[in-house]
Amino acid sequence: MNQIAENSVSVSLTPSAAKRVQVLAASEGNPSLMLRLAVKGGGCSGFSYGFSLDAATNVDDRTYEMHGAKLVIDESSLELLKGGEIDYVEDLLASSFRITNPNAKSTCGCGNSFSA
């Protein structure tokens, strides 16, 4: 596992997102679960974001620990996410992880896909 210190992070996790990861991991009964973010081809704008909880890492993963939670991103996805921020937002209509991605040239209306 390739662990990276908080001060050298190229993708950040807000305190709100970290707290949500901790809540989800606790509800699964496994506090060691990490938030995995992956970028895949597809979606209405060319690439789409995928979130999951994961207990394992792969050889090409980067692991970031911020605010008491871990974020895992594979090397290929990281190239499209550098400088990004993951937040967790709750409002009257929905609750979700949201990504601010400086590498996205355009995004779809739902915010789940982008073009680079």
PDB file of N, CA and C in Angstrom:
ATOM      1  N   MET A   1       0.847  -1.170   0.000  1.00  0.00           N
ATOM      2  CA  MET A   1       0.000   0.000   0.000  1.00  0.00           C
ATOM      3  C   MET A   1       0.893   1.234   0.000  1.00  0.00           C
ATOM      4  N   ASN A   2       0.616   2.148  -0.882  1.00  0.00           N
ATOM      5  CA  ASN A   2       1.403   3.359  -1.019  1.00  0.00           C
ATOM      6  C   ASN A   2       0.720   4.472  -0.232  1.00  0.00           C
ATOM      7  N   GLN A   3       1.172   4.730   0.976  1.00  0.00           N
ATOM      8  CA  GLN A   3       0.553   5.726   1.854  1.00  0.00           C
ATOM      9  C   GLN A   3       1.190   7.083   1.623  1.00  0.00           C
ATOM     10  N   ILE A   4       0.378   8.119   1.575  1.00  0.00           N
ATOM     11  CA  ILE A   4       0.870   9.465   1.318  1.00  0.00           C
ATOM     12  C   ILE A   4       0.458  10.369   2.470  1.00  0.00           C
ATOM     13  N   ALA A   5       1.374  11.178   2.927  1.00  0.00           N
ATOM     14  CA  ALA A   5       1.092  12.095   4.027  1.00  0.00           C
ATOM     15  C   ALA A   5       0.125  13.186   3.607  1.00  0.00           C
ATOM     16  N   GLU A   6      -0.624  13.693   4.587  1.00  0.00           N
ATOM     17  CA  GLU A   6      -1.638  14.711   4.316  1.00  0.00           C
ATOM     18  C   GLU A   6      -1.079  15.961   3.644  1.00  0.00           C
ATOM     19  N   ASN A   7       0.143  16.360   3.973  1.00  0.00           N
ATOM     20  CA  ASN A   7       0.684  17.604   3.423  1.00  0.00           C
ATOM     21  C   ASN A   7       1.173  17.468   1.980  1.00  0.00           C
ATOM     22  N   SER A   8       1.184  16.245   1.422  1.00  0.00           N
ATOM     23  CA  SER A   8       1.610  16.078   0.034  1.00  0.00           C
ATOM     24  C   SER A   8       0.466  15.560  -0.841  1.00  0.00           C
ATOM     25  N   VAL A   9      -0.744  15.791  -0.394  1.00  0.00           N
ATOM     26  CA  VAL A   9      -1.920  15.238  -1.047  1.00  0.00           C
ATOM     27  C   VAL A   9      -2.214  15.940  -2.366  1.00  0.00           C
ATOM     28  N   SER A  10      -2.531  15.146  -3.380  1.00  0.00           N
ATOM     29  CA  SER A  10      -2.935  15.724  -4.653  1.00  0.00           C
ATOM     30  C   SER A  10      -4.441  15.633  -4.842  1.00  0.00           C
ATOM     31  N   VAL A  11      -5.130  14.919  -3.960  1.00  0.00           N
ATOM     32  CA  VAL A  11      -6.591  14.868  -3.910  1.00  0.00           C
ATOM     33  C   VAL A  11      -6.954  14.998  -2.431  1.00  0.00           C
ATOM     34  N   SER A  12      -7.918  15.846  -2.114  1.00  0.00           N
ATOM     35  CA  SER A  12      -8.242  16.048  -0.706  1.00  0.00           C
ATOM     36  C   SER A  12      -9.652  15.579  -0.373  1.00  0.00           C
ATOM     37  N   LEU A  13      -9.818  15.259   0.890  1.00  0.00           N
ATOM     38  CA  LEU A  13     -11.083  14.800   1.445  1.00  0.00           C
ATOM     39  C   LEU A  13     -11.469  15.814   2.511  1.00  0.00           C
ATOM     40  N   THR A  14     -12.652  16.413   2.419  1.00  0.00           N
ATOM     41  CA  THR A  14     -13.069  17.405   3.404  1.00  0.00           C
ATOM     42  C   THR A  14     -13.419  16.710   4.718  1.00  0.00           C
ATOM     43  N   PRO A  15     -13.458  17.453   5.821  1.00  0.00           N
ATOM     44  CA  PRO A  15     -13.873  16.856   7.090  1.00  0.00           C
ATOM     45  C   PRO A  15     -15.265  16.217   7.004  1.00  0.00           C
ATOM     46  N   SER A  16     -16.176  16.828   6.278  1.00  0.00           N
ATOM     47  CA  SER A  16     -17.524  16.283   6.111  1.00  0.00           C
ATOM     48  C   SER A  16     -17.489  14.930   5.392  1.00  0.00           C
ATOM     49  N   ALA A  17     -16.686  14.825   4.348  1.00  0.00           N
ATOM     50  CA  ALA A  17     -16.568  13.566   3.609  1.00  0.00           C
ATOM     51  C   ALA A  17     -15.905  12.505   4.481  1.00  0.00           C
ATOM     52  N   ALA A  18     -14.870  12.889   5.218  1.00  0.00           N
ATOM     53  CA  ALA A  18     -14.183  11.936   6.094  1.00  0.00           C
ATOM     54  C   ALA A  18     -15.134  11.402   7.159  1.00  0.00           C
ATOM     55  N   LYS A  19     -15.934  12.281   7.728  1.00  0.00           N
ATOM     56  CA  LYS A  19     -16.896  11.850   8.750  1.00  0.00           C
ATOM     57  C   LYS A  19     -17.898  10.863   8.152  1.00  0.00           C
ATOM     58  N   ARG A  20     -18.359  11.115   6.938  1.00  0.00           N
ATOM     59  CA  ARG A  20     -19.314  10.211   6.288  1.00  0.00           C
ATOM     60  C   ARG A  20     -18.682   8.847   6.023  1.00  0.00           C
ATOM     61  N   VAL A  21     -17.427   8.824   5.620  1.00  0.00           N
ATOM     62  CA  VAL A  21     -16.725   7.557   5.404  1.00  0.00           C
ATOM     63  C   VAL A  21     -16.664   6.785   6.723  1.00  0.00           C
ATOM     64  N   GLN A  22     -16.364   7.469   7.817  1.00  0.00           N
ATOM     65  CA  GLN A  22     -16.300   6.823   9.122  1.00  0.00           C
ATOM     66  C   GLN A  22     -17.662   6.255   9.521  1.00  0.00           C
ATOM     67  N   VAL A  23     -18.730   7.003   9.279  1.00  0.00           N
ATOM     68  CA  VAL A  23     -20.085   6.545   9.599  1.00  0.00           C
ATOM     69  C   VAL A  23     -20.444   5.312   8.768  1.00  0.00           C
ATOM     70  N   LEU A  24     -20.139   5.349   7.473  1.00  0.00           N
ATOM     71  CA  LEU A  24     -20.442   4.212   6.601  1.00  0.00           C
ATOM     72  C   LEU A  24     -19.651   2.972   7.008  1.00  0.00           C
ATOM     73  N   ALA A  25     -18.377   3.158   7.321  1.00  0.00           N
ATOM     74  CA  ALA A  25     -17.541   2.028   7.739  1.00  0.00           C
ATOM     75  C   ALA A  25     -18.064   1.431   9.040  1.00  0.00           C
ATOM     76  N   ALA A  26     -18.449   2.282   9.982  1.00  0.00           N
ATOM     77  CA  ALA A  26     -18.987   1.799  11.252  1.00  0.00           C
ATOM     78  C   ALA A  26     -20.304   1.055  11.042  1.00  0.00           C
ATOM     79  N   SER A  27     -21.145   1.560  10.135  1.00  0.00           N
ATOM     80  CA  SER A  27     -22.430   0.893   9.881  1.00  0.00           C
ATOM     81  C   SER A  27     -22.240  -0.472   9.220  1.00  0.00           C
ATOM     82  N   GLU A  28     -21.106  -0.670   8.547  1.00  0.00           N
ATOM     83  CA  GLU A  28     -20.766  -1.958   7.942  1.00  0.00           C
ATOM     84  C   GLU A  28     -20.074  -2.872   8.951  1.00  0.00           C
ATOM     85  N   GLY A  29     -19.788  -2.342  10.140  1.00  0.00           N
ATOM     86  CA  GLY A  29     -19.122  -3.128  11.168  1.00  0.00           C
ATOM     87  C   GLY A  29     -17.639  -3.322  10.916  1.00  0.00           C
ATOM     88  N   ASN A  30     -17.057  -2.476  10.052  1.00  0.00           N
ATOM     89  CA  ASN A  30     -15.642  -2.608   9.722  1.00  0.00           C
ATOM     90  C   ASN A  30     -15.007  -1.219   9.652  1.00  0.00           C
ATOM     91  N   PRO A  31     -14.524  -0.710  10.777  1.00  0.00           N
ATOM     92  CA  PRO A  31     -13.966   0.646  10.791  1.00  0.00           C
ATOM     93  C   PRO A  31     -12.715   0.820   9.922  1.00  0.00           C
ATOM     94  N   SER A  32     -12.147  -0.263   9.407  1.00  0.00           N
ATOM     95  CA  SER A  32     -10.965  -0.131   8.555  1.00  0.00           C
ATOM     96  C   SER A  32     -11.316   0.050   7.080  1.00  0.00           C
ATOM     97  N   LEU A  33     -12.615   0.096   6.737  1.00  0.00           N
ATOM     98  CA  LEU A  33     -13.005   0.312   5.343  1.00  0.00           C
ATOM     99  C   LEU A  33     -12.553   1.688   4.870  1.00  0.00           C
ATOM    100  N   MET A  34     -12.170   1.754   3.606  1.00  0.00           N
ATOM    101  CA  MET A  34     -11.702   2.990   2.985  1.00  0.00           C
ATOM    102  C   MET A  34     -12.667   3.382   1.863  1.00  0.00           C
ATOM    103  N   LEU A  35     -12.720   4.660   1.554  1.00  0.00           N
ATOM    104  CA  LEU A  35     -13.504   5.127   0.422  1.00  0.00           C
ATOM    105  C   LEU A  35     -12.653   4.970  -0.831  1.00  0.00           C
ATOM    106  N   ARG A  36     -13.147   4.204  -1.792  1.00  0.00           N
ATOM    107  CA  ARG A  36     -12.446   4.032  -3.067  1.00  0.00           C
ATOM    108  C   ARG A  36     -13.132   4.914  -4.099  1.00  0.00           C
ATOM    109  N   LEU A  37     -12.330   5.734  -4.789  1.00  0.00           N
ATOM    110  CA  LEU A  37     -12.812   6.573  -5.876  1.00  0.00           C
ATOM    111  C   LEU A  37     -12.122   6.123  -7.149  1.00  0.00           C
ATOM    112  N   ALA A  38     -12.903   5.832  -8.163  1.00  0.00           N
ATOM    113  CA  ALA A  38     -12.348   5.398  -9.447  1.00  0.00           C
ATOM    114  C   ALA A  38     -13.010   6.185 -10.568  1.00  0.00           C
ATOM    115  N   VAL A  39     -12.252   6.440 -11.627  1.00  0.00           N
ATOM    116  CA  VAL A  39     -12.779   7.090 -12.819  1.00  0.00           C
ATOM    117  C   VAL A  39     -12.829   6.025 -13.905  1.00  0.00           C
ATOM    118  N   LYS A  40     -13.991   5.920 -14.547  1.00  0.00           N
ATOM    119  CA  LYS A  40     -14.166   4.944 -15.618  1.00  0.00           C
ATOM    120  C   LYS A  40     -14.671   5.635 -16.867  1.00  0.00           C
ATOM    121  N   GLY A  41     -14.382   5.061 -18.012  1.00  0.00           N
ATOM    122  CA  GLY A  41     -14.918   5.579 -19.264  1.00  0.00           C
ATOM    123  C   GLY A  41     -16.415   5.357 -19.289  1.00  0.00           C
ATOM    124  N   GLY A  42     -17.150   6.347 -19.789  1.00  0.00           N
ATOM    125  CA  GLY A  42     -18.603   6.232 -19.859  1.00  0.00           C
ATOM    126  C   GLY A  42     -19.276   7.428 -19.228  1.00  0.00           C
ATOM    127  N   GLY A  43     -20.554   7.352 -19.079  1.00  0.00           N
ATOM    128  CA  GLY A  43     -21.304   8.488 -18.558  1.00  0.00           C
ATOM    129  C   GLY A  43     -21.640   9.430 -19.693  1.00  0.00           C
ATOM    130  N   CYS A  44     -22.457  10.412 -19.414  1.00  0.00           N
ATOM    131  CA  CYS A  44     -22.921  11.293 -20.484  1.00  0.00           C
ATOM    132  C   CYS A  44     -21.858  12.293 -20.936  1.00  0.00           C
ATOM    133  N   SER A  45     -20.750  12.424 -20.194  1.00  0.00           N
ATOM    134  CA  SER A  45     -19.709  13.377 -20.592  1.00  0.00           C
ATOM    135  C   SER A  45     -18.378  12.728 -20.949  1.00  0.00           C
ATOM    136  N   GLY A  46     -18.282  11.426 -20.918  1.00  0.00           N
ATOM    137  CA  GLY A  46     -17.038  10.755 -21.305  1.00  0.00           C
ATOM    138  C   GLY A  46     -16.410   9.919 -20.213  1.00  0.00           C
ATOM    139  N   PHE A  47     -16.333  10.437 -18.990  1.00  0.00           N
ATOM    140  CA  PHE A  47     -15.814   9.711 -17.840  1.00  0.00           C
ATOM    141  C   PHE A  47     -16.842   9.782 -16.725  1.00  0.00           C
ATOM    142  N   SER A  48     -16.865   8.760 -15.870  1.00  0.00           N
ATOM    143  CA  SER A  48     -17.777   8.799 -14.728  1.00  0.00           C
ATOM    144  C   SER A  48     -17.026   8.439 -13.458  1.00  0.00           C
ATOM    145  N   TYR A  49     -17.500   8.987 -12.335  1.00  0.00           N
ATOM    146  CA  TYR A  49     -16.925   8.723 -11.034  1.00  0.00           C
ATOM    147  C   TYR A  49     -17.611   7.506 -10.432  1.00  0.00           C
ATOM    148  N   GLY A  50     -16.848   6.694  -9.737  1.00  0.00           N
ATOM    149  CA  GLY A  50     -17.423   5.561  -9.014  1.00  0.00           C
ATOM    150  C   GLY A  50     -16.904   5.553  -7.590  1.00  0.00           C
ATOM    151  N   PHE A  51     -17.815   5.420  -6.630  1.00  0.00           N
ATOM    152  CA  PHE A  51     -17.467   5.362  -5.219  1.00  0.00           C
ATOM    153  C   PHE A  51     -17.826   3.990  -4.670  1.00  0.00           C
ATOM    154  N   SER A  52     -16.987   3.455  -3.804  1.00  0.00           N
ATOM    155  CA  SER A  52     -17.300   2.216  -3.096  1.00  0.00           C
ATOM    156  C   SER A  52     -16.489   2.190  -1.811  1.00  0.00           C
ATOM    157  N   LEU A  53     -16.860   1.293  -0.903  1.00  0.00           N
ATOM    158  CA  LEU A  53     -16.069   1.062   0.292  1.00  0.00           C
ATOM    159  C   LEU A  53     -15.223  -0.170   0.042  1.00  0.00           C
ATOM    160  N   ASP A  54     -13.975  -0.130   0.476  1.00  0.00           N
ATOM    161  CA  ASP A  54     -13.058  -1.232   0.197  1.00  0.00           C
ATOM    162  C   ASP A  54     -12.147  -1.443   1.391  1.00  0.00           C
ATOM    163  N   ALA A  55     -11.842  -2.704   1.674  1.00  0.00           N
ATOM    164  CA  ALA A  55     -10.923  -3.031   2.766  1.00  0.00           C
ATOM    165  C   ALA A  55      -9.533  -3.359   2.238  1.00  0.00           C
ATOM    166  N   ALA A  56      -9.405  -3.545   0.931  1.00  0.00           N
ATOM    167  CA  ALA A  56      -8.130  -3.964   0.341  1.00  0.00           C
ATOM    168  C   ALA A  56      -7.611  -2.915  -0.630  1.00  0.00           C
ATOM    169  N   THR A  57      -6.320  -2.955  -0.850  1.00  0.00           N
ATOM    170  CA  THR A  57      -5.708  -2.082  -1.844  1.00  0.00           C
ATOM    171  C   THR A  57      -5.008  -2.943  -2.895  1.00  0.00           C
ATOM    172  N   ASN A  58      -4.796  -2.365  -4.043  1.00  0.00           N
ATOM    173  CA  ASN A  58      -4.091  -3.019  -5.141  1.00  0.00           C
ATOM    174  C   ASN A  58      -2.715  -2.384  -5.306  1.00  0.00           C
ATOM    175  N   VAL A  59      -1.871  -3.005  -6.087  1.00  0.00           N
ATOM    176  CA  VAL A  59      -0.503  -2.529  -6.293  1.00  0.00           C
ATOM    177  C   VAL A  59      -0.465  -1.101  -6.840  1.00  0.00           C
ATOM    178  N   ASP A  60      -1.411  -0.749  -7.710  1.00  0.00           N
ATOM    179  CA  ASP A  60      -1.382   0.581  -8.333  1.00  0.00           C
ATOM    180  C   ASP A  60      -2.237   1.617  -7.591  1.00  0.00           C
ATOM    181  N   ASP A  61      -2.609   1.348  -6.347  1.00  0.00           N
ATOM    182  CA  ASP A  61      -3.426   2.281  -5.567  1.00  0.00           C
ATOM    183  C   ASP A  61      -2.569   3.272  -4.798  1.00  0.00           C
ATOM    184  N   ARG A  62      -3.119   4.465  -4.633  1.00  0.00           N
ATOM    185  CA  ARG A  62      -2.562   5.463  -3.725  1.00  0.00           C
ATOM    186  C   ARG A  62      -3.562   5.593  -2.582  1.00  0.00           C
ATOM    187  N   THR A  63      -3.068   5.616  -1.359  1.00  0.00           N
ATOM    188  CA  THR A  63      -3.922   5.732  -0.182  1.00  0.00           C
ATOM    189  C   THR A  63      -3.621   7.036   0.522  1.00  0.00           C
ATOM    190  N   TYR A  64      -4.671   7.799   0.802  1.00  0.00           N
ATOM    191  CA  TYR A  64      -4.556   9.076   1.492  1.00  0.00           C
ATOM    192  C   TYR A  64      -5.318   8.966   2.802  1.00  0.00           C
ATOM    193  N   GLU A  65      -4.752   9.469   3.877  1.00  0.00           N
ATOM    194  CA  GLU A  65      -5.460   9.496   5.147  1.00  0.00           C
ATOM    195  C   GLU A  65      -5.657  10.939   5.558  1.00  0.00           C
ATOM    196  N   MET A  66      -6.925  11.313   5.716  1.00  0.00           N
ATOM    197  CA  MET A  66      -7.261  12.688   6.074  1.00  0.00           C
ATOM    198  C   MET A  66      -8.414  12.701   7.055  1.00  0.00           C
ATOM    199  N   HIS A  67      -8.283  13.467   8.107  1.00  0.00           N
ATOM    200  CA  HIS A  67      -9.357  13.673   9.074  1.00  0.00           C
ATOM    201  C   HIS A  67      -9.887  12.351   9.621  1.00  0.00           C
ATOM    202  N   GLY A  68      -9.015  11.355   9.779  1.00  0.00           N
ATOM    203  CA  GLY A  68      -9.408  10.079  10.365  1.00  0.00           C
ATOM    204  C   GLY A  68     -10.051   9.089   9.415  1.00  0.00           C
ATOM    205  N   ALA A  69     -10.028   9.355   8.121  1.00  0.00           N
ATOM    206  CA  ALA A  69     -10.596   8.430   7.122  1.00  0.00           C
ATOM    207  C   ALA A  69      -9.578   8.226   6.012  1.00  0.00           C
ATOM    208  N   LYS A  70      -9.715   7.094   5.315  1.00  0.00           N
ATOM    209  CA  LYS A  70      -8.800   6.787   4.212  1.00  0.00           C
ATOM    210  C   LYS A  70      -9.523   6.842   2.877  1.00  0.00           C
ATOM    211  N   LEU A  71      -8.805   7.366   1.891  1.00  0.00           N
ATOM    212  CA  LEU A  71      -9.271   7.470   0.516  1.00  0.00           C
ATOM    213  C   LEU A  71      -8.301   6.683  -0.351  1.00  0.00           C
ATOM    214  N   VAL A  72      -8.823   5.831  -1.238  1.00  0.00           N
ATOM    215  CA  VAL A  72      -7.992   5.023  -2.124  1.00  0.00           C
ATOM    216  C   VAL A  72      -8.340   5.369  -3.567  1.00  0.00           C
ATOM    217  N   ILE A  73      -7.301   5.641  -4.376  1.00  0.00           N
ATOM    218  CA  ILE A  73      -7.484   5.976  -5.787  1.00  0.00           C
ATOM    219  C   ILE A  73      -6.408   5.247  -6.577  1.00  0.00           C
ATOM    220  N   ASP A  74      -6.801   4.591  -7.657  1.00  0.00           N
ATOM    221  CA  ASP A  74      -5.806   3.926  -8.492  1.00  0.00           C
ATOM    222  C   ASP A  74      -5.047   4.968  -9.314  1.00  0.00           C
ATOM    223  N   GLU A  75      -3.836   4.599  -9.750  1.00  0.00           N
ATOM    224  CA  GLU A  75      -2.951   5.531 -10.471  1.00  0.00           C
ATOM    225  C   GLU A  75      -3.609   6.135 -11.717  1.00  0.00           C
ATOM    226  N   SER A  76      -4.327   5.328 -12.486  1.00  0.00           N
ATOM    227  CA  SER A  76      -4.962   5.834 -13.714  1.00  0.00           C
ATOM    228  C   SER A  76      -6.003   6.903 -13.398  1.00  0.00           C
ATOM    229  N   SER A  77      -6.822   6.640 -12.385  1.00  0.00           N
ATOM    230  CA  SER A  77      -7.850   7.604 -11.991  1.00  0.00           C
ATOM    231  C   SER A  77      -7.222   8.862 -11.415  1.00  0.00           C
ATOM    232  N   LEU A  78      -6.123   8.687 -10.685  1.00  0.00           N
ATOM    233  CA  LEU A  78      -5.461   9.824 -10.046  1.00  0.00           C
ATOM    234  C   LEU A  78      -5.026  10.869 -11.065  1.00  0.00           C
ATOM    235  N   GLU A  79      -4.605  10.426 -12.239  1.00  0.00           N
ATOM    236  CA  GLU A  79      -4.192  11.366 -13.293  1.00  0.00           C
ATOM    237  C   GLU A  79      -5.330  12.311 -13.673  1.00  0.00           C
ATOM    238  N   LEU A  80      -6.566  11.833 -13.592  1.00  0.00           N
ATOM    239  CA  LEU A  80      -7.731  12.652 -13.954  1.00  0.00           C
ATOM    240  C   LEU A  80      -8.317  13.419 -12.772  1.00  0.00           C
ATOM    241  N   LEU A  81      -7.781  13.167 -11.564  1.00  0.00           N
ATOM    242  CA  LEU A  81      -8.338  13.766 -10.351  1.00  0.00           C
ATOM    243  C   LEU A  81      -7.380  14.696  -9.609  1.00  0.00           C
ATOM    244  N   LYS A  82      -6.147  14.834 -10.089  1.00  0.00           N
ATOM    245  CA  LYS A  82      -5.142  15.629  -9.370  1.00  0.00           C
ATOM    246  C   LYS A  82      -5.661  17.023  -9.060  1.00  0.00           C
ATOM    247  N   GLY A  83      -5.491  17.407  -7.796  1.00  0.00           N
ATOM    248  CA  GLY A  83      -5.930  18.723  -7.356  1.00  0.00           C
ATOM    249  C   GLY A  83      -7.399  18.764  -6.972  1.00  0.00           C
ATOM    250  N   GLY A  84      -8.082  17.631  -7.064  1.00  0.00           N
ATOM    251  CA  GLY A  84      -9.509  17.581  -6.771  1.00  0.00           C
ATOM    252  C   GLY A  84      -9.813  17.528  -5.284  1.00  0.00           C
ATOM    253  N   GLU A  85     -11.076  17.773  -4.972  1.00  0.00           N
ATOM    254  CA  GLU A  85     -11.543  17.723  -3.591  1.00  0.00           C
ATOM    255  C   GLU A  85     -12.842  16.924  -3.536  1.00  0.00           C
ATOM    256  N   ILE A  86     -12.921  16.033  -2.557  1.00  0.00           N
ATOM    257  CA  ILE A  86     -14.128  15.232  -2.363  1.00  0.00           C
ATOM    258  C   ILE A  86     -14.818  15.744  -1.112  1.00  0.00           C
ATOM    259  N   ASP A  87     -16.074  16.074  -1.253  1.00  0.00           N
ATOM    260  CA  ASP A  87     -16.876  16.599  -0.155  1.00  0.00           C
ATOM    261  C   ASP A  87     -18.112  15.725   0.002  1.00  0.00           C
ATOM    262  N   TYR A  88     -18.741  15.794   1.150  1.00  0.00           N
ATOM    263  CA  TYR A  88     -20.027  15.133   1.352  1.00  0.00           C
ATOM    264  C   TYR A  88     -21.021  16.237   1.675  1.00  0.00           C
ATOM    265  N   VAL A  89     -22.085  16.295   0.888  1.00  0.00           N
ATOM    266  CA  VAL A  89     -23.054  17.376   1.003  1.00  0.00           C
ATOM    267  C   VAL A  89     -24.431  16.807   1.307  1.00  0.00           C
ATOM    268  N   GLU A  90     -25.097  17.409   2.267  1.00  0.00           N
ATOM    269  CA  GLU A  90     -26.476  17.040   2.592  1.00  0.00           C
ATOM    270  C   GLU A  90     -27.344  18.279   2.397  1.00  0.00           C
ATOM    271  N   ASP A  91     -28.420  18.132   1.618  1.00  0.00           N
ATOM    272  CA  ASP A  91     -29.381  19.214   1.474  1.00  0.00           C
ATOM    273  C   ASP A  91     -30.779  18.623   1.468  1.00  0.00           C
ATOM    274  N   LEU A  92     -31.781  19.423   1.202  1.00  0.00           N
ATOM    275  CA  LEU A  92     -33.164  18.948   1.249  1.00  0.00           C
ATOM    276  C   LEU A  92     -33.480  17.886   0.203  1.00  0.00           C
ATOM    277  N   LEU A  93     -32.795  17.925  -0.921  1.00  0.00           N
ATOM    278  CA  LEU A  93     -33.094  17.001  -2.013  1.00  0.00           C
ATOM    279  C   LEU A  93     -32.296  15.706  -1.968  1.00  0.00           C
ATOM    280  N   ALA A  94     -31.055  15.774  -1.505  1.00  0.00           N
ATOM    281  CA  ALA A  94     -30.213  14.571  -1.546  1.00  0.00           C
ATOM    282  C   ALA A  94     -28.974  14.733  -0.673  1.00  0.00           C
ATOM    283  N   SER A  95     -28.332  13.614  -0.429  1.00  0.00           N
ATOM    284  CA  SER A  95     -27.040  13.581   0.254  1.00  0.00           C
ATOM    285  C   SER A  95     -26.109  12.780  -0.633  1.00  0.00           C
ATOM    286  N   SER A  96     -24.901  13.310  -0.848  1.00  0.00           N
ATOM    287  CA  SER A  96     -23.986  12.576  -1.723  1.00  0.00           C
ATOM    288  C   SER A  96     -22.571  13.113  -1.593  1.00  0.00           C
ATOM    289  N   PHE A  97     -21.628  12.274  -2.056  1.00  0.00           N
ATOM    290  CA  PHE A  97     -20.268  12.731  -2.206  1.00  0.00           C
ATOM    291  C   PHE A  97     -20.234  13.581  -3.465  1.00  0.00           C
ATOM    292  N   ARG A  98     -19.525  14.704  -3.403  1.00  0.00           N
ATOM    293  CA  ARG A  98     -19.396  15.584  -4.563  1.00  0.00           C
ATOM    294  C   ARG A  98     -17.915  15.837  -4.814  1.00  0.00           C
ATOM    295  N   ILE A  99     -17.568  15.898  -6.067  1.00  0.00           N
ATOM    296  CA  ILE A  99     -16.176  16.099  -6.443  1.00  0.00           C
ATOM    297  C   ILE A  99     -16.008  17.440  -7.135  1.00  0.00           C
ATOM    298  N   THR A 100     -15.040  18.201  -6.677  1.00  0.00           N
ATOM    299  CA  THR A 100     -14.601  19.392  -7.383  1.00  0.00           C
ATOM    300  C   THR A 100     -13.322  18.965  -8.081  1.00  0.00           C
ATOM    301  N   ASN A 101     -13.378  18.894  -9.409  1.00  0.00           N
ATOM    302  CA  ASN A 101     -12.273  18.373 -10.190  1.00  0.00           C
ATOM    303  C   ASN A 101     -11.746  19.457 -11.133  1.00  0.00           C
ATOM    304  N   PRO A 102     -10.556  20.008 -10.852  1.00  0.00           N
ATOM    305  CA  PRO A 102     -10.013  21.060 -11.710  1.00  0.00           C
ATOM    306  C   PRO A 102      -9.622  20.557 -13.107  1.00  0.00           C
ATOM    307  N   ASN A 103      -9.575  19.244 -13.306  1.00  0.00           N
ATOM    308  CA  ASN A 103      -9.216  18.669 -14.601  1.00  0.00           C
ATOM    309  C   ASN A 103     -10.419  18.468 -15.514  1.00  0.00           C
ATOM    310  N   ALA A 104     -11.616  18.682 -14.982  1.00  0.00           N
ATOM    311  CA  ALA A 104     -12.830  18.505 -15.772  1.00  0.00           C
ATOM    312  C   ALA A 104     -13.075  19.752 -16.623  1.00  0.00           C
ATOM    313  N   LYS A 105     -13.125  19.563 -17.940  1.00  0.00           N
ATOM    314  CA  LYS A 105     -13.404  20.684 -18.828  1.00  0.00           C
ATOM    315  C   LYS A 105     -14.906  20.973 -18.874  1.00  0.00           C
ATOM    316  N   SER A 106     -15.704  19.918 -18.700  1.00  0.00           N
ATOM    317  CA  SER A 106     -17.156  20.089 -18.586  1.00  0.00           C
ATOM    318  C   SER A 106     -17.709  18.932 -17.764  1.00  0.00           C
ATOM    319  N   THR A 107     -18.867  19.162 -17.167  1.00  0.00           N
ATOM    320  CA  THR A 107     -19.529  18.133 -16.384  1.00  0.00           C
ATOM    321  C   THR A 107     -20.981  18.030 -16.816  1.00  0.00           C
ATOM    322  N   CYS A 108     -21.586  16.893 -16.512  1.00  0.00           N
ATOM    323  CA  CYS A 108     -23.003  16.749 -16.839  1.00  0.00           C
ATOM    324  C   CYS A 108     -23.826  17.398 -15.730  1.00  0.00           C
ATOM    325  N   GLY A 109     -25.100  17.505 -15.926  1.00  0.00           N
ATOM    326  CA  GLY A 109     -25.981  18.143 -14.958  1.00  0.00           C
ATOM    327  C   GLY A 109     -26.009  17.457 -13.606  1.00  0.00           C
ATOM    328  N   CYS A 110     -25.867  16.140 -13.591  1.00  0.00           N
ATOM    329  CA  CYS A 110     -25.935  15.417 -12.326  1.00  0.00           C
ATOM    330  C   CYS A 110     -24.611  15.460 -11.577  1.00  0.00           C
ATOM    331  N   GLY A 111     -23.512  15.837 -12.219  1.00  0.00           N
ATOM    332  CA  GLY A 111     -22.221  15.925 -11.582  1.00  0.00           C
ATOM    333  C   GLY A 111     -21.485  14.605 -11.443  1.00  0.00           C
ATOM    334  N   ASN A 112     -22.042  13.545 -12.017  1.00  0.00           N
ATOM    335  CA  ASN A 112     -21.410  12.227 -11.905  1.00  0.00           C
ATOM    336  C   ASN A 112     -20.512  11.880 -13.075  1.00  0.00           C
ATOM    337  N   SER A 113     -20.493  12.698 -14.102  1.00  0.00           N
ATOM    338  CA  SER A 113     -19.585  12.425 -15.209  1.00  0.00           C
ATOM    339  C   SER A 113     -18.981  13.748 -15.707  1.00  0.00           C
ATOM    340  N   PHE A 114     -17.856  13.594 -16.416  1.00  0.00           N
ATOM    341  CA  PHE A 114     -17.118  14.785 -16.854  1.00  0.00           C
ATOM    342  C   PHE A 114     -16.310  14.459 -18.095  1.00  0.00           C
ATOM    343  N   SER A 115     -15.836  15.504 -18.763  1.00  0.00           N
ATOM    344  CA  SER A 115     -14.890  15.327 -19.862  1.00  0.00           C
ATOM    345  C   SER A 115     -13.594  15.994 -19.434  1.00  0.00           C
ATOM    346  N   ALA A 116     -12.491  15.432 -19.897  1.00  0.00           N
ATOM    347  CA  ALA A 116     -11.175  15.967 -19.497  1.00  0.00           C
ATOM    348  C   ALA A 116     -10.518  16.651 -20.681  1.00  0.00           C
TER     349      ALA A 116
END
